[in-house]
Amino acid sequence: MQGKKFAARLKGGEVILLVGDLGAGKTTFVKGVAVGFDLRKNITSPTFVIMKIYKISKHLKIKNLIHIDTYRGLDINDLENIGALEYFGRDDCVCFVEWGAGLEDYLRKGKIRMKKIKFNDLDENTREIIIT
């Protein structure tokens, strides 16, 4: 539900860094965002393919949800090589980067709207989501 509510606040051009341990809910959060955009695709972790692009048809401005995983230690040069940076900051895209904490300095230097979402397990039944 949090992802669906978050989707309603997006304007396009955002790069959202998702930070949390394995199993913290990063991909689940992106699934919720996809529900908010009325995407009917099965959203899965892009760990093995690095980047997935989902087309959005029912939003006036945002047309692409970009889902990236940098778990394997990818840096900004790697993302440039696979074409991911072409989507960063585009008004018709929102980008979610799992394990994206290493990109914070790069994104602060650019003119890209950045959000950081951190997932913390408080106990076995409670998860805290911090959006900055």
Protein backbone atom coordinates (compact mmCIF):
# COMPACT_ATOMS: atom_id res chain seq x y z
CA MET A 1 0.00 0.00 0.00
CA GLN A 2 2.87 2.40 0.73
CA GLY A 3 4.20 2.04 -2.83
CA LYS A 4 0.79 2.79 -4.32
CA LYS A 5 0.49 5.98 -2.24
CA PHE A 6 4.05 6.94 -3.13
CA ALA A 7 3.29 6.59 -6.86
CA ALA A 8 0.61 9.27 -6.58
CA ARG A 9 3.28 11.76 -5.42
CA LEU A 10 5.65 11.22 -8.33
CA LYS A 11 5.85 13.89 -11.01
CA GLY A 12 8.39 12.31 -13.39
CA GLY A 13 12.15 12.66 -13.49
CA GLU A 14 12.73 11.18 -10.03
CA VAL A 15 15.47 8.69 -9.27
CA ILE A 16 14.60 6.77 -6.12
CA LEU A 17 17.38 4.91 -4.32
CA LEU A 18 16.14 1.90 -2.38
CA VAL A 19 18.40 0.92 0.52
CA GLY A 20 17.90 -2.08 2.80
CA ASP A 21 19.04 -5.59 3.59
CA LEU A 22 18.14 -8.64 1.52
CA GLY A 23 14.44 -9.29 1.89
CA ALA A 24 13.72 -5.83 3.30
CA GLY A 25 10.97 -5.11 0.77
CA LYS A 26 12.66 -3.09 -1.97
CA THR A 27 11.13 -5.03 -4.87
CA THR A 28 7.82 -5.30 -3.03
CA PHE A 29 7.77 -1.52 -2.73
CA VAL A 30 8.32 -1.16 -6.49
CA LYS A 31 5.45 -3.63 -7.03
CA GLY A 32 3.25 -1.28 -4.99
CA VAL A 33 4.35 1.68 -7.10
CA ALA A 34 3.45 -0.32 -10.21
CA VAL A 35 -0.04 -0.90 -8.77
CA GLY A 36 -0.29 2.87 -8.28
CA PHE A 37 0.45 3.32 -12.00
CA ASP A 38 -2.11 0.64 -12.85
CA LEU A 39 0.63 -1.56 -14.32
CA ARG A 40 -0.55 -5.12 -14.72
CA LYS A 41 2.90 -6.62 -15.30
CA ASN A 42 4.58 -9.06 -12.93
CA ILE A 43 7.28 -6.92 -11.32
CA THR A 44 10.34 -8.97 -10.37
CA SER A 45 13.79 -8.12 -9.09
CA PRO A 46 16.18 -7.05 -11.85
CA THR A 47 19.17 -8.62 -10.05
CA PHE A 48 20.21 -10.85 -12.94
CA VAL A 49 19.29 -8.57 -15.85
CA ILE A 50 20.30 -5.34 -14.04
CA MET A 51 17.58 -3.15 -15.59
CA LYS A 52 13.92 -3.64 -16.47
CA ILE A 53 11.73 -1.11 -18.24
CA TYR A 54 7.98 -1.18 -17.72
CA LYS A 55 5.72 0.86 -20.00
CA ILE A 56 3.01 2.91 -18.27
CA SER A 57 -0.04 3.72 -20.36
CA LYS A 58 -2.51 5.18 -17.87
CA HIS A 59 -0.57 8.20 -16.61
CA LEU A 60 -0.66 11.58 -18.34
CA LYS A 61 3.05 12.29 -18.00
CA ILE A 62 5.00 9.29 -16.70
CA LYS A 63 5.36 6.63 -19.41
CA ASN A 64 8.18 4.42 -18.07
CA LEU A 65 8.99 2.83 -14.75
CA ILE A 66 12.69 1.91 -14.75
CA HIS A 67 13.76 -0.71 -12.20
CA ILE A 68 17.52 -1.15 -11.68
CA ASP A 69 19.52 -3.36 -9.34
CA THR A 70 23.13 -2.52 -8.47
CA TYR A 71 23.58 -5.38 -5.96
CA ARG A 72 26.59 -6.68 -7.87
CA GLY A 73 28.49 -3.48 -7.10
CA LEU A 74 27.71 -1.60 -10.29
CA ASP A 75 28.80 2.02 -10.32
CA ILE A 76 27.80 5.03 -12.36
CA ASN A 77 30.06 4.04 -15.28
CA ASP A 78 28.45 0.59 -15.46
CA LEU A 79 25.01 2.19 -15.51
CA GLU A 80 26.10 4.50 -18.30
CA ASN A 81 27.38 1.53 -20.32
CA ILE A 82 24.03 -0.27 -20.18
CA GLY A 83 22.08 2.89 -21.06
CA ALA A 84 20.43 3.36 -17.68
CA LEU A 85 21.53 6.98 -17.32
CA GLU A 86 19.50 7.90 -20.40
CA TYR A 87 16.40 7.51 -18.22
CA PHE A 88 17.64 9.44 -15.17
CA GLY A 89 15.90 12.79 -14.89
CA ARG A 90 13.60 12.29 -17.88
CA ASP A 91 10.18 13.79 -17.20
CA ASP A 92 8.44 10.75 -18.70
CA CYS A 93 10.27 8.29 -16.40
CA VAL A 94 10.65 7.36 -12.78
CA CYS A 95 13.69 5.26 -11.86
CA PHE A 96 14.02 2.95 -8.88
CA VAL A 97 17.51 1.73 -8.03
CA GLU A 98 17.81 -1.15 -5.57
CA TRP A 99 21.08 -1.10 -3.62
CA GLY A 100 21.54 2.45 -4.92
CA ALA A 101 23.26 4.07 -1.94
CA GLY A 102 26.51 4.33 -3.92
CA LEU A 103 24.87 6.72 -6.38
CA GLU A 104 23.98 9.44 -3.87
CA ASP A 105 26.99 11.66 -4.53
CA TYR A 106 26.58 11.41 -8.30
CA LEU A 107 22.90 12.30 -8.16
CA ARG A 108 23.42 15.24 -5.81
CA LYS A 109 25.71 16.81 -8.40
CA GLY A 110 23.10 16.57 -11.13
CA LYS A 111 19.76 18.25 -11.55
CA ILE A 112 17.79 15.10 -10.85
CA ARG A 113 15.10 14.91 -8.21
CA MET A 114 16.30 12.23 -5.84
CA LYS A 115 14.58 10.42 -3.04
CA LYS A 116 16.09 7.84 -0.75
CA ILE A 117 14.00 5.10 0.80
CA LYS A 118 15.47 3.01 3.59
CA PHE A 119 13.87 -0.17 4.86
CA ASN A 120 14.47 -1.32 8.45
CA ASP A 121 13.10 -4.45 10.10
CA LEU A 122 12.01 -3.43 13.60
CA ASP A 123 10.96 -6.98 14.49
CA GLU A 124 9.67 -10.02 12.62
CA ASN A 125 6.27 -8.41 12.03
CA THR A 126 7.15 -4.73 11.67
CA ARG A 127 9.06 -2.88 8.96
CA GLU A 128 9.94 0.80 9.02
CA ILE A 129 10.17 2.74 5.74
CA ILE A 130 12.06 6.05 5.87
CA ILE A 131 11.69 8.39 2.88
CA THR A 132 14.09 11.34 2.63
